[in-house]
Structure formats: C-alpha cells, structure tokens
N, C-alpha and C. Protein backbone atom coordinates (compact mmCIF):
# COMPACT_ATOMS: atom_id res chain seq x y z
N UNK A 1 49.42 12.00 -58.81
CA UNK A 1 48.45 12.44 -57.79
C UNK A 1 47.71 11.25 -57.23
N UNK A 2 47.72 11.13 -55.90
CA UNK A 2 46.97 10.09 -55.22
C UNK A 2 45.54 10.58 -55.03
N UNK A 3 44.57 9.68 -55.28
CA UNK A 3 43.17 10.04 -55.04
C UNK A 3 42.90 9.94 -53.54
N UNK A 4 42.82 11.09 -52.87
CA UNK A 4 42.58 11.10 -51.43
C UNK A 4 41.09 11.01 -51.16
N UNK A 5 40.70 10.02 -50.36
CA UNK A 5 39.31 9.96 -49.95
C UNK A 5 39.07 10.95 -48.82
N UNK A 6 37.90 11.55 -48.75
CA UNK A 6 37.65 12.61 -47.75
C UNK A 6 37.56 12.03 -46.34
N UNK A 7 37.74 12.88 -45.33
CA UNK A 7 37.55 12.45 -43.95
C UNK A 7 36.14 11.89 -43.73
N UNK A 8 36.03 11.01 -42.75
CA UNK A 8 34.76 10.36 -42.44
C UNK A 8 34.25 10.82 -41.08
N UNK A 9 32.95 10.57 -40.86
CA UNK A 9 32.33 10.83 -39.55
C UNK A 9 32.61 12.25 -39.04
N UNK A 10 32.48 13.22 -39.92
CA UNK A 10 32.75 14.61 -39.54
C UNK A 10 31.59 15.11 -38.66
N UNK A 11 31.94 15.49 -37.43
CA UNK A 11 30.92 15.82 -36.43
C UNK A 11 31.34 17.06 -35.66
N UNK A 12 30.41 17.99 -35.52
CA UNK A 12 30.62 19.15 -34.66
C UNK A 12 29.93 18.83 -33.33
N UNK A 13 30.72 18.75 -32.26
CA UNK A 13 30.14 18.38 -30.98
C UNK A 13 30.57 19.35 -29.90
N UNK A 14 29.80 19.36 -28.83
CA UNK A 14 30.11 20.19 -27.68
C UNK A 14 30.49 19.28 -26.54
N UNK A 15 31.64 19.56 -25.91
CA UNK A 15 32.10 18.71 -24.82
C UNK A 15 32.93 19.56 -23.85
N UNK A 16 32.58 19.48 -22.57
CA UNK A 16 33.37 20.14 -21.53
C UNK A 16 33.59 21.62 -21.82
N UNK A 17 32.51 22.34 -22.12
CA UNK A 17 32.52 23.79 -22.38
C UNK A 17 33.14 24.17 -23.73
N UNK A 18 33.48 23.21 -24.58
CA UNK A 18 34.16 23.53 -25.85
C UNK A 18 33.35 23.01 -27.04
N UNK A 19 33.48 23.72 -28.18
CA UNK A 19 32.87 23.30 -29.43
C UNK A 19 33.99 22.71 -30.30
N UNK A 20 33.89 21.43 -30.60
CA UNK A 20 34.99 20.71 -31.22
C UNK A 20 34.51 20.00 -32.48
N UNK A 21 35.26 20.14 -33.57
CA UNK A 21 35.02 19.38 -34.79
C UNK A 21 35.89 18.13 -34.74
N UNK A 22 35.29 16.97 -34.95
CA UNK A 22 36.05 15.72 -34.97
C UNK A 22 35.80 14.99 -36.29
N UNK A 23 36.73 14.13 -36.65
CA UNK A 23 36.59 13.33 -37.87
C UNK A 23 37.51 12.12 -37.79
N UNK A 24 37.34 11.22 -38.72
CA UNK A 24 38.23 10.06 -38.85
C UNK A 24 38.89 10.13 -40.22
N UNK A 25 40.12 9.59 -40.36
CA UNK A 25 40.79 9.61 -41.68
C UNK A 25 39.96 8.86 -42.71
N UNK A 26 40.04 9.34 -43.94
CA UNK A 26 39.39 8.64 -45.03
C UNK A 26 40.01 7.26 -45.23
N UNK A 27 39.24 6.36 -45.80
CA UNK A 27 39.73 4.99 -45.99
C UNK A 27 40.99 4.97 -46.85
N UNK A 28 41.99 4.24 -46.40
CA UNK A 28 43.24 4.10 -47.17
C UNK A 28 44.10 5.34 -47.17
N UNK A 29 43.93 6.23 -46.18
CA UNK A 29 44.75 7.45 -46.14
C UNK A 29 46.22 7.10 -45.94
N UNK A 30 47.11 7.68 -46.72
CA UNK A 30 48.54 7.39 -46.57
C UNK A 30 49.10 8.06 -45.32
N UNK A 31 50.27 7.60 -44.84
CA UNK A 31 50.89 8.26 -43.69
C UNK A 31 51.24 9.71 -44.03
N UNK A 32 51.17 10.59 -43.02
CA UNK A 32 51.54 11.99 -43.25
C UNK A 32 50.44 12.87 -43.77
N UNK A 33 49.21 12.36 -43.83
CA UNK A 33 48.08 13.20 -44.26
C UNK A 33 47.83 14.29 -43.21
N UNK A 34 47.55 15.50 -43.66
CA UNK A 34 47.17 16.59 -42.76
C UNK A 34 45.77 17.08 -43.13
N UNK A 35 45.22 17.92 -42.26
CA UNK A 35 43.83 18.37 -42.43
C UNK A 35 43.74 19.88 -42.24
N UNK A 36 42.81 20.47 -42.98
CA UNK A 36 42.53 21.90 -42.88
C UNK A 36 41.04 22.10 -42.61
N UNK A 37 40.75 23.02 -41.69
CA UNK A 37 39.37 23.24 -41.25
C UNK A 37 38.96 24.68 -41.54
N UNK A 38 37.69 24.85 -41.93
CA UNK A 38 37.07 26.16 -42.04
C UNK A 38 35.67 26.09 -41.43
N UNK A 39 35.08 27.26 -41.15
CA UNK A 39 33.71 27.25 -40.63
C UNK A 39 32.93 28.40 -41.25
N UNK A 40 31.60 28.26 -41.24
CA UNK A 40 30.71 29.33 -41.67
C UNK A 40 29.59 29.47 -40.65
N UNK A 41 29.05 30.68 -40.52
CA UNK A 41 27.94 30.92 -39.60
C UNK A 41 26.66 31.13 -40.40
N UNK A 42 25.55 30.86 -39.74
CA UNK A 42 24.27 30.89 -40.43
C UNK A 42 23.87 32.30 -40.87
N UNK A 43 24.47 33.32 -40.25
CA UNK A 43 24.15 34.68 -40.67
C UNK A 43 25.04 35.16 -41.81
N UNK A 44 26.03 34.35 -42.20
CA UNK A 44 26.90 34.69 -43.35
C UNK A 44 27.21 33.42 -44.13
N UNK A 45 26.17 32.84 -44.68
CA UNK A 45 26.33 31.57 -45.40
C UNK A 45 27.22 31.75 -46.62
N UNK A 46 27.96 30.69 -46.94
CA UNK A 46 28.89 30.64 -48.08
C UNK A 46 30.12 31.51 -47.90
N UNK A 47 30.34 32.02 -46.70
CA UNK A 47 31.60 32.69 -46.40
C UNK A 47 32.35 31.82 -45.39
N UNK A 48 33.24 31.00 -45.92
CA UNK A 48 33.97 30.05 -45.08
C UNK A 48 35.21 30.72 -44.52
N UNK A 49 35.33 30.71 -43.21
CA UNK A 49 36.41 31.42 -42.52
C UNK A 49 37.50 30.44 -42.09
N UNK A 50 38.73 30.90 -42.18
CA UNK A 50 39.87 30.09 -41.76
C UNK A 50 39.88 29.94 -40.25
N UNK A 51 40.39 28.82 -39.80
CA UNK A 51 40.64 28.60 -38.37
C UNK A 51 42.16 28.52 -38.24
N UNK A 52 42.81 29.60 -37.81
CA UNK A 52 44.27 29.69 -37.90
C UNK A 52 45.02 28.52 -37.28
N UNK A 53 44.52 28.01 -36.16
CA UNK A 53 45.25 26.92 -35.48
C UNK A 53 44.87 25.54 -36.01
N UNK A 54 44.06 25.48 -37.07
CA UNK A 54 43.67 24.18 -37.65
C UNK A 54 43.94 24.16 -39.15
N UNK A 55 45.13 24.59 -39.52
CA UNK A 55 45.58 24.55 -40.91
C UNK A 55 46.70 23.51 -41.03
N UNK A 56 46.51 22.53 -41.89
CA UNK A 56 47.54 21.49 -42.12
C UNK A 56 47.96 20.82 -40.81
N UNK A 57 46.97 20.38 -40.05
CA UNK A 57 47.24 19.70 -38.77
C UNK A 57 47.20 18.19 -38.97
N UNK A 58 47.92 17.46 -38.14
CA UNK A 58 47.94 16.00 -38.26
C UNK A 58 46.87 15.34 -37.39
N UNK A 59 46.38 16.03 -36.37
CA UNK A 59 45.37 15.45 -35.48
C UNK A 59 44.00 15.45 -36.17
N UNK A 60 43.08 14.70 -35.60
CA UNK A 60 41.76 14.56 -36.23
C UNK A 60 40.67 15.26 -35.41
N UNK A 61 41.01 16.43 -34.85
CA UNK A 61 40.00 17.26 -34.17
C UNK A 61 40.47 18.70 -34.21
N UNK A 62 39.52 19.62 -34.04
CA UNK A 62 39.83 21.05 -34.03
C UNK A 62 38.90 21.72 -33.03
N UNK A 63 39.48 22.40 -32.04
CA UNK A 63 38.69 23.15 -31.07
C UNK A 63 38.35 24.51 -31.67
N UNK A 64 37.07 24.69 -31.95
CA UNK A 64 36.61 25.91 -32.63
C UNK A 64 36.17 27.02 -31.68
N UNK A 65 36.04 26.73 -30.40
CA UNK A 65 35.33 27.62 -29.47
C UNK A 65 35.76 29.08 -29.62
N UNK A 66 37.04 29.35 -29.45
CA UNK A 66 37.50 30.74 -29.43
C UNK A 66 37.77 31.30 -30.83
N UNK A 67 37.54 30.50 -31.86
CA UNK A 67 37.64 31.01 -33.23
C UNK A 67 36.30 31.57 -33.71
N UNK A 68 35.22 31.21 -33.02
CA UNK A 68 33.89 31.61 -33.48
C UNK A 68 33.66 33.10 -33.23
N UNK A 69 33.13 33.77 -34.23
CA UNK A 69 32.92 35.21 -34.12
C UNK A 69 31.67 35.55 -33.31
N UNK A 70 30.73 34.61 -33.23
CA UNK A 70 29.49 34.87 -32.48
C UNK A 70 29.01 33.56 -31.87
N UNK A 71 28.98 33.50 -30.54
CA UNK A 71 28.60 32.28 -29.84
C UNK A 71 27.10 32.01 -29.88
N UNK A 72 26.32 32.99 -30.38
CA UNK A 72 24.86 32.86 -30.35
C UNK A 72 24.27 32.56 -31.73
N UNK A 73 25.12 32.33 -32.71
CA UNK A 73 24.65 32.04 -34.07
C UNK A 73 25.10 30.62 -34.44
N UNK A 74 24.22 29.88 -35.09
CA UNK A 74 24.58 28.52 -35.48
C UNK A 74 25.73 28.54 -36.49
N UNK A 75 26.65 27.60 -36.32
CA UNK A 75 27.78 27.47 -37.24
C UNK A 75 27.90 26.00 -37.66
N UNK A 76 28.59 25.82 -38.77
CA UNK A 76 29.02 24.48 -39.13
C UNK A 76 30.45 24.58 -39.62
N UNK A 77 31.13 23.46 -39.68
CA UNK A 77 32.52 23.46 -40.10
C UNK A 77 32.71 22.43 -41.22
N UNK A 78 33.83 22.55 -41.90
CA UNK A 78 34.18 21.57 -42.91
C UNK A 78 35.67 21.27 -42.82
N UNK A 79 36.05 20.09 -43.29
CA UNK A 79 37.44 19.67 -43.21
C UNK A 79 37.80 18.93 -44.50
N UNK A 80 39.06 19.11 -44.92
CA UNK A 80 39.56 18.35 -46.07
C UNK A 80 40.92 17.77 -45.71
N UNK A 81 41.27 16.69 -46.40
CA UNK A 81 42.58 16.05 -46.21
C UNK A 81 43.55 16.59 -47.26
N UNK A 82 44.82 16.70 -46.87
CA UNK A 82 45.89 17.20 -47.75
C UNK A 82 47.07 16.24 -47.65
N UNK A 83 47.61 15.88 -48.81
CA UNK A 83 48.80 15.01 -48.83
C UNK A 83 49.63 15.38 -50.07
N UNK A 84 50.74 16.06 -49.82
CA UNK A 84 51.51 16.56 -50.96
C UNK A 84 50.66 17.54 -51.75
N UNK A 85 50.53 17.25 -53.07
CA UNK A 85 49.69 18.11 -53.91
C UNK A 85 48.26 17.63 -54.01
N UNK A 86 47.96 16.55 -53.34
CA UNK A 86 46.61 15.98 -53.41
C UNK A 86 45.71 16.61 -52.36
N UNK A 87 44.47 16.81 -52.73
CA UNK A 87 43.45 17.36 -51.83
C UNK A 87 42.20 16.50 -51.94
N UNK A 88 41.59 16.21 -50.79
CA UNK A 88 40.30 15.51 -50.83
C UNK A 88 39.19 16.54 -50.97
N UNK A 89 37.99 16.11 -51.30
CA UNK A 89 36.85 17.03 -51.22
C UNK A 89 36.62 17.47 -49.78
N UNK A 90 35.99 18.63 -49.60
CA UNK A 90 35.58 19.08 -48.27
C UNK A 90 34.42 18.23 -47.78
N UNK A 91 34.35 18.02 -46.47
CA UNK A 91 33.19 17.35 -45.86
C UNK A 91 32.66 18.27 -44.76
N UNK A 92 31.35 18.51 -44.78
CA UNK A 92 30.74 19.46 -43.84
C UNK A 92 30.12 18.73 -42.65
N UNK A 93 30.09 19.46 -41.54
CA UNK A 93 29.39 18.97 -40.34
C UNK A 93 27.96 19.48 -40.36
N UNK A 94 27.22 19.13 -39.31
CA UNK A 94 25.89 19.71 -39.10
C UNK A 94 26.05 21.08 -38.45
N UNK A 95 24.95 21.84 -38.36
CA UNK A 95 24.95 23.14 -37.69
C UNK A 95 24.77 22.98 -36.18
N UNK A 96 25.48 23.78 -35.41
CA UNK A 96 25.29 23.87 -33.96
C UNK A 96 25.59 25.30 -33.54
N UNK A 97 25.08 25.69 -32.36
CA UNK A 97 25.55 26.95 -31.79
C UNK A 97 25.95 26.73 -30.34
N UNK A 98 26.94 27.48 -29.92
CA UNK A 98 27.49 27.30 -28.58
C UNK A 98 26.44 27.59 -27.50
N UNK A 99 25.69 28.66 -27.69
CA UNK A 99 24.75 29.13 -26.67
C UNK A 99 23.76 28.05 -26.25
N UNK A 100 23.15 27.37 -27.21
CA UNK A 100 22.12 26.39 -26.86
C UNK A 100 22.64 24.96 -26.79
N UNK A 101 23.79 24.68 -27.40
CA UNK A 101 24.27 23.30 -27.48
C UNK A 101 25.42 22.97 -26.52
N UNK A 102 25.93 23.97 -25.80
CA UNK A 102 27.09 23.74 -24.94
C UNK A 102 26.80 22.64 -23.92
N UNK A 103 27.75 21.71 -23.79
CA UNK A 103 27.68 20.66 -22.77
C UNK A 103 28.71 20.97 -21.69
N UNK A 104 28.33 20.77 -20.45
CA UNK A 104 29.14 21.23 -19.33
C UNK A 104 29.94 20.10 -18.68
N UNK A 105 31.06 20.47 -18.10
CA UNK A 105 31.86 19.55 -17.31
C UNK A 105 31.68 19.90 -15.83
N UNK A 106 31.83 18.93 -14.93
CA UNK A 106 31.73 19.25 -13.50
C UNK A 106 32.83 20.20 -13.08
N UNK A 107 32.55 21.10 -12.12
CA UNK A 107 33.60 21.97 -11.59
C UNK A 107 34.52 21.18 -10.66
N UNK A 108 35.66 21.78 -10.35
CA UNK A 108 36.60 21.21 -9.38
C UNK A 108 36.49 22.02 -8.10
N UNK A 109 36.28 21.35 -6.99
CA UNK A 109 36.06 22.04 -5.72
C UNK A 109 37.35 22.25 -4.95
N UNK A 110 37.41 23.40 -4.27
CA UNK A 110 38.51 23.71 -3.36
C UNK A 110 37.92 24.05 -2.00
N UNK A 111 38.41 23.38 -0.95
CA UNK A 111 37.88 23.58 0.40
C UNK A 111 38.93 24.24 1.28
N UNK A 112 38.50 25.26 2.01
CA UNK A 112 39.39 25.97 2.94
C UNK A 112 38.71 26.00 4.31
N UNK A 113 39.26 25.23 5.26
CA UNK A 113 38.66 25.12 6.58
C UNK A 113 39.39 26.05 7.54
N UNK A 114 38.63 26.99 8.11
CA UNK A 114 39.22 27.94 9.06
C UNK A 114 38.24 28.21 10.19
N UNK A 115 38.76 28.15 11.43
CA UNK A 115 37.93 28.42 12.61
C UNK A 115 36.67 27.55 12.56
N UNK A 116 35.51 28.16 12.62
CA UNK A 116 34.26 27.40 12.62
C UNK A 116 33.52 27.51 11.28
N UNK A 117 34.29 27.58 10.22
CA UNK A 117 33.66 27.71 8.90
C UNK A 117 34.48 26.95 7.85
N UNK A 118 33.80 26.55 6.81
CA UNK A 118 34.48 25.97 5.66
C UNK A 118 34.09 26.80 4.45
N UNK A 119 35.08 27.21 3.67
CA UNK A 119 34.87 28.04 2.49
C UNK A 119 35.07 27.17 1.25
N UNK A 120 34.02 27.08 0.44
CA UNK A 120 34.04 26.21 -0.73
C UNK A 120 34.02 27.07 -1.99
N UNK A 121 34.98 26.84 -2.87
CA UNK A 121 34.99 27.53 -4.16
C UNK A 121 35.10 26.51 -5.28
N UNK A 122 34.61 26.88 -6.45
CA UNK A 122 34.59 25.97 -7.60
C UNK A 122 35.35 26.60 -8.76
N UNK A 123 36.15 25.79 -9.41
CA UNK A 123 36.83 26.26 -10.63
C UNK A 123 36.31 25.46 -11.82
N UNK A 124 36.24 26.13 -12.98
CA UNK A 124 35.66 25.54 -14.18
C UNK A 124 36.72 25.46 -15.28
N UNK A 125 36.78 24.36 -16.02
CA UNK A 125 37.75 24.24 -17.11
C UNK A 125 37.28 24.99 -18.37
N UNK A 126 37.18 26.31 -18.28
CA UNK A 126 36.57 27.10 -19.36
C UNK A 126 37.59 27.56 -20.38
N UNK A 127 37.24 27.54 -21.68
CA UNK A 127 38.04 28.28 -22.66
C UNK A 127 38.03 29.77 -22.30
N UNK A 128 39.12 30.46 -22.55
CA UNK A 128 39.24 31.86 -22.12
C UNK A 128 38.14 32.75 -22.70
N UNK A 129 37.69 32.45 -23.91
CA UNK A 129 36.73 33.33 -24.57
C UNK A 129 35.32 33.23 -24.00
N UNK A 130 35.02 32.27 -23.14
CA UNK A 130 33.67 32.15 -22.59
C UNK A 130 33.65 32.37 -21.07
N UNK A 131 34.75 32.85 -20.52
CA UNK A 131 34.81 33.04 -19.07
C UNK A 131 33.79 34.06 -18.57
N UNK A 132 33.39 35.00 -19.42
CA UNK A 132 32.49 36.06 -18.98
C UNK A 132 31.01 35.69 -19.08
N UNK A 133 30.69 34.52 -19.60
CA UNK A 133 29.29 34.10 -19.62
C UNK A 133 28.84 33.78 -18.20
N UNK A 134 27.53 33.71 -18.00
CA UNK A 134 26.99 33.57 -16.65
C UNK A 134 26.96 32.11 -16.21
N UNK A 135 28.11 31.62 -15.79
CA UNK A 135 28.19 30.25 -15.28
C UNK A 135 27.85 30.24 -13.79
N UNK A 136 27.14 29.22 -13.37
CA UNK A 136 26.78 29.06 -11.96
C UNK A 136 27.07 27.63 -11.53
N UNK A 137 26.90 27.40 -10.24
CA UNK A 137 27.03 26.02 -9.77
C UNK A 137 26.13 25.76 -8.57
N UNK A 138 25.74 24.50 -8.42
CA UNK A 138 25.04 24.00 -7.24
C UNK A 138 26.02 23.19 -6.42
N UNK A 139 25.85 23.27 -5.11
CA UNK A 139 26.73 22.55 -4.19
C UNK A 139 25.91 21.62 -3.32
N UNK A 140 26.34 20.37 -3.21
CA UNK A 140 25.73 19.41 -2.31
C UNK A 140 26.64 19.17 -1.12
N UNK A 141 26.06 19.07 0.05
CA UNK A 141 26.80 18.73 1.27
C UNK A 141 26.03 17.64 1.99
N UNK A 142 26.70 16.58 2.39
CA UNK A 142 26.02 15.53 3.14
C UNK A 142 27.01 14.81 4.05
N UNK A 143 26.47 14.17 5.06
CA UNK A 143 27.31 13.39 5.96
C UNK A 143 27.61 12.05 5.31
N UNK A 144 28.87 11.65 5.30
CA UNK A 144 29.26 10.40 4.65
C UNK A 144 28.45 9.25 5.23
N UNK A 145 27.89 8.44 4.33
CA UNK A 145 27.08 7.31 4.77
C UNK A 145 25.60 7.60 4.82
N UNK A 146 25.22 8.88 4.77
CA UNK A 146 23.79 9.20 4.76
C UNK A 146 23.26 9.05 3.34
N UNK A 147 21.97 8.84 3.22
CA UNK A 147 21.40 8.54 1.91
C UNK A 147 20.67 9.72 1.30
N UNK A 148 20.13 10.60 2.11
CA UNK A 148 19.30 11.67 1.59
C UNK A 148 20.04 13.00 1.66
N UNK A 149 20.73 13.35 0.56
CA UNK A 149 21.55 14.56 0.55
C UNK A 149 20.69 15.81 0.73
N UNK A 150 19.55 15.84 0.05
CA UNK A 150 18.74 17.05 0.05
C UNK A 150 18.23 17.36 1.45
N UNK A 151 17.70 16.34 2.14
CA UNK A 151 17.17 16.59 3.47
C UNK A 151 18.28 16.99 4.42
N UNK A 152 19.48 16.45 4.22
CA UNK A 152 20.61 16.83 5.06
C UNK A 152 20.92 18.32 4.87
N UNK A 153 20.93 18.75 3.61
CA UNK A 153 21.22 20.15 3.34
C UNK A 153 20.19 21.05 4.02
N UNK A 154 18.91 20.70 3.88
CA UNK A 154 17.85 21.51 4.47
C UNK A 154 17.96 21.52 6.00
N UNK A 155 18.36 20.39 6.54
CA UNK A 155 18.47 20.28 7.99
C UNK A 155 19.63 21.12 8.51
N UNK A 156 20.75 21.10 7.81
CA UNK A 156 21.94 21.80 8.29
C UNK A 156 21.76 23.32 8.23
N UNK A 157 21.48 23.84 7.04
CA UNK A 157 21.48 25.29 6.88
C UNK A 157 20.41 25.70 5.89
N UNK A 158 19.19 25.76 6.34
CA UNK A 158 18.09 26.10 5.43
C UNK A 158 18.27 27.52 4.90
N UNK A 159 18.97 28.40 5.63
CA UNK A 159 19.13 29.77 5.17
C UNK A 159 20.05 29.85 3.95
N UNK A 160 20.78 28.77 3.66
CA UNK A 160 21.67 28.80 2.51
C UNK A 160 20.95 28.44 1.20
N UNK A 161 19.66 28.19 1.28
CA UNK A 161 18.85 27.90 0.09
C UNK A 161 19.40 26.71 -0.68
N UNK A 162 19.81 25.72 0.05
CA UNK A 162 20.30 24.47 -0.54
C UNK A 162 21.56 24.65 -1.37
N UNK A 163 22.25 25.76 -1.22
CA UNK A 163 23.49 26.03 -1.95
C UNK A 163 23.29 25.99 -3.47
N UNK A 164 22.19 26.50 -3.96
CA UNK A 164 21.90 26.43 -5.40
C UNK A 164 22.15 27.78 -6.08
N UNK A 165 22.65 27.72 -7.29
CA UNK A 165 22.73 28.90 -8.14
C UNK A 165 23.78 29.92 -7.76
N UNK A 166 24.91 29.47 -7.24
CA UNK A 166 26.00 30.40 -6.95
C UNK A 166 26.74 30.75 -8.22
N UNK A 167 27.14 32.01 -8.37
CA UNK A 167 27.92 32.40 -9.53
C UNK A 167 29.30 31.76 -9.46
N UNK A 168 29.89 31.56 -10.61
CA UNK A 168 31.11 30.77 -10.73
C UNK A 168 32.20 31.19 -9.75
N UNK A 169 32.40 32.48 -9.56
CA UNK A 169 33.50 32.94 -8.71
C UNK A 169 33.09 33.17 -7.26
N UNK A 170 31.83 32.85 -6.95
CA UNK A 170 31.38 33.00 -5.56
C UNK A 170 31.95 31.89 -4.68
N UNK A 171 32.30 32.25 -3.45
CA UNK A 171 32.70 31.27 -2.45
C UNK A 171 31.53 31.02 -1.52
N UNK A 172 31.22 29.75 -1.28
CA UNK A 172 30.15 29.39 -0.36
C UNK A 172 30.77 29.18 1.02
N UNK A 173 30.29 29.93 2.01
CA UNK A 173 30.81 29.81 3.37
C UNK A 173 29.77 29.11 4.24
N UNK A 174 30.19 28.04 4.89
CA UNK A 174 29.29 27.21 5.68
C UNK A 174 29.78 27.19 7.12
N UNK A 175 28.90 27.52 8.04
CA UNK A 175 29.22 27.45 9.45
C UNK A 175 29.27 25.99 9.87
N UNK A 176 30.40 25.56 10.42
CA UNK A 176 30.58 24.15 10.75
C UNK A 176 30.42 23.86 12.25
N UNK A 177 29.97 24.85 13.01
CA UNK A 177 29.88 24.67 14.46
C UNK A 177 29.06 23.44 14.83
N UNK A 178 27.94 23.23 14.13
CA UNK A 178 27.04 22.13 14.48
C UNK A 178 27.37 20.83 13.74
N UNK A 179 28.40 20.84 12.91
CA UNK A 179 28.74 19.65 12.12
C UNK A 179 29.88 18.89 12.79
N UNK A 180 29.67 17.60 12.98
CA UNK A 180 30.73 16.79 13.58
C UNK A 180 30.76 15.44 12.89
N UNK A 181 31.90 15.12 12.28
CA UNK A 181 32.03 13.85 11.58
C UNK A 181 32.60 14.05 10.19
N UNK A 182 32.35 13.07 9.33
CA UNK A 182 32.91 13.07 7.97
C UNK A 182 31.85 13.61 7.00
N UNK A 183 32.14 14.76 6.37
CA UNK A 183 31.18 15.39 5.47
C UNK A 183 31.75 15.49 4.06
N UNK A 184 30.86 15.30 3.09
CA UNK A 184 31.28 15.26 1.69
C UNK A 184 30.64 16.42 0.91
N UNK A 185 31.38 16.90 -0.08
CA UNK A 185 30.94 18.01 -0.92
C UNK A 185 31.04 17.58 -2.39
N UNK A 186 30.05 17.99 -3.16
CA UNK A 186 30.05 17.72 -4.59
C UNK A 186 29.31 18.86 -5.28
N UNK A 187 29.67 19.16 -6.52
CA UNK A 187 29.05 20.31 -7.20
C UNK A 187 28.80 19.98 -8.67
N UNK A 188 27.89 20.73 -9.26
CA UNK A 188 27.66 20.62 -10.71
C UNK A 188 27.60 22.02 -11.30
N UNK A 189 28.01 22.13 -12.54
CA UNK A 189 27.95 23.40 -13.26
C UNK A 189 26.55 23.63 -13.81
N UNK A 190 26.14 24.90 -13.87
CA UNK A 190 24.84 25.29 -14.40
C UNK A 190 25.00 26.34 -15.49
N UNK A 191 24.10 26.28 -16.48
CA UNK A 191 24.10 27.33 -17.50
C UNK A 191 22.68 27.46 -18.02
N UNK A 192 22.16 28.67 -18.01
CA UNK A 192 20.79 28.89 -18.47
C UNK A 192 20.83 29.53 -19.84
N UNK A 193 20.43 28.77 -20.85
CA UNK A 193 20.33 29.30 -22.21
C UNK A 193 18.86 29.22 -22.60
N UNK A 194 18.53 28.43 -23.62
CA UNK A 194 17.12 28.25 -23.96
C UNK A 194 16.43 27.45 -22.85
N UNK A 195 17.16 26.53 -22.27
CA UNK A 195 16.68 25.81 -21.11
C UNK A 195 17.83 25.74 -20.10
N UNK A 196 17.53 25.29 -18.90
CA UNK A 196 18.56 25.18 -17.87
C UNK A 196 19.36 23.90 -18.10
N UNK A 197 20.67 24.05 -18.22
CA UNK A 197 21.54 22.88 -18.40
C UNK A 197 22.38 22.70 -17.16
N UNK A 198 22.77 21.48 -16.90
CA UNK A 198 23.71 21.24 -15.82
C UNK A 198 24.60 20.06 -16.16
N UNK A 199 25.78 20.05 -15.55
CA UNK A 199 26.72 18.96 -15.73
C UNK A 199 26.38 17.82 -14.78
N UNK A 200 27.13 16.75 -14.87
CA UNK A 200 27.10 15.74 -13.82
C UNK A 200 27.71 16.36 -12.55
N UNK A 201 27.44 15.74 -11.41
CA UNK A 201 28.08 16.19 -10.19
C UNK A 201 29.55 15.76 -10.17
N UNK A 202 30.38 16.58 -9.55
CA UNK A 202 31.80 16.27 -9.44
C UNK A 202 32.01 15.10 -8.47
N UNK A 203 33.21 14.52 -8.54
CA UNK A 203 33.56 13.49 -7.57
C UNK A 203 33.53 14.10 -6.16
N UNK A 204 32.97 13.39 -5.17
CA UNK A 204 32.89 13.96 -3.82
C UNK A 204 34.26 14.22 -3.21
N UNK A 205 34.33 15.31 -2.46
CA UNK A 205 35.50 15.62 -1.64
C UNK A 205 35.03 15.58 -0.19
N UNK A 206 35.67 14.73 0.64
CA UNK A 206 35.19 14.51 2.00
C UNK A 206 36.23 14.99 3.02
N UNK A 207 35.73 15.58 4.12
CA UNK A 207 36.62 16.09 5.18
C UNK A 207 36.03 15.76 6.54
N UNK A 208 36.93 15.59 7.52
CA UNK A 208 36.49 15.42 8.92
C UNK A 208 36.32 16.80 9.55
N UNK A 209 35.16 17.03 10.14
CA UNK A 209 34.88 18.32 10.76
C UNK A 209 34.73 18.14 12.29
N UNK A 210 35.37 19.04 13.04
CA UNK A 210 35.28 19.04 14.49
C UNK A 210 35.58 17.66 15.09
N UNK A 211 36.61 17.03 14.55
CA UNK A 211 36.96 15.68 14.98
C UNK A 211 37.79 15.75 16.25
N UNK A 212 37.38 14.98 17.27
CA UNK A 212 38.10 14.96 18.54
C UNK A 212 38.90 13.66 18.64
N UNK A 213 40.16 13.78 19.06
CA UNK A 213 40.96 12.60 19.31
C UNK A 213 41.54 12.00 18.07
C-alpha cells in the first residue's frame, strides 16, 4: 500500500454561474490517481451525499451546481484521492451557498436589425438547473468614440429607463430612426439575492446604423 497524501488547496468556489470544487494533487501523487467527491448541506450535517459524476475522476475539479439538493442552503464538499487499493484522507472545503455566493459571467448579445429598429437579446451560460431563477441584465448603448455612455443613453431614449433590469429572455427593442453612425452595445448580468450582484460588462458589439454610401 502506497501512503497517498490528501489533495491540497481544496476550495469551493463560484464562477460563471456554477459552484465548483477545485483541488490540487497531493505531494508526490503517483500517475493514475483518481478522486471522489461528496458534499453535505448545513441542514443535514454529517450526511455526506455522493456526486454521481465525480466518482473516481482524473480531473481536479467537480461542478456541483446541479447536484445540490437546495440552492439556498450552505454546503461544503470533500474530496479524497484513490490509487489502486490506497485511499487518502478526505479533505473538506469551506461552506458556501449558491444563492448568496453565485458569481456571474457576462451575457452574450445578439443583435437583429430590421427596418428602423434594432432588437437586442442576451443569452446566459447557465447550468440547466438554475435557468428558472430570476436573472436580469442591463444594456449599455453608446456611439463609438463617445466617452459618456450614461448620458448618451439618456439622450437617445429616456423612455427606455436606461435599459436596466430586463429579464433574461426579454428582447430590448430600440428605435434607430434618430441614430446615425457606429453604435456599440454591451451588457452585464444581474442577480438580486442578499444584495444586488452583477457581472462585468460583455465585450462591446458595434454596428453601423443608417449608414449612407
């Protein structure tokens, strides 16, 4: 039996709408080591649940998001190394819960220009199990080369309320009759839990509107 050292730097983190357990191999781990993950929730302590897709895996991370039985209760996870008949001790992460700790990724924008309007929709890289939560997005519109995005938005279409707080599947329709030139769009994801969270803004998407010649 080889003495397997346990995984190191075991961390439960939230990234891009997902709750992920990460770790590093224990010092001197032999080739072919695999890992097994379990988790427990704060409302059922000492009941460690299997994560079916993270049993005897070779990678050093496990996406727990859709394995969690309750997104509103703090959970922690543990991982052990396996090599042949050898097992390392379990190593536990800290507690986190999806509801308050989720970190967001920027949405991806899709632009549809028709007649005198542009229709903007946003897609989110969401795990399937959290698609029904109340995701929203803010949209920025500005003329390329201008410095003050907010004043531009207010100047163009004050009735649109600065394009803030649209639900994830909502399409924002903007009348382009008065817009002429190169205009850029960018958006960020929003989620209101204990406090209002938002992602970074997406990379700008720019289009020529009402361009002559």
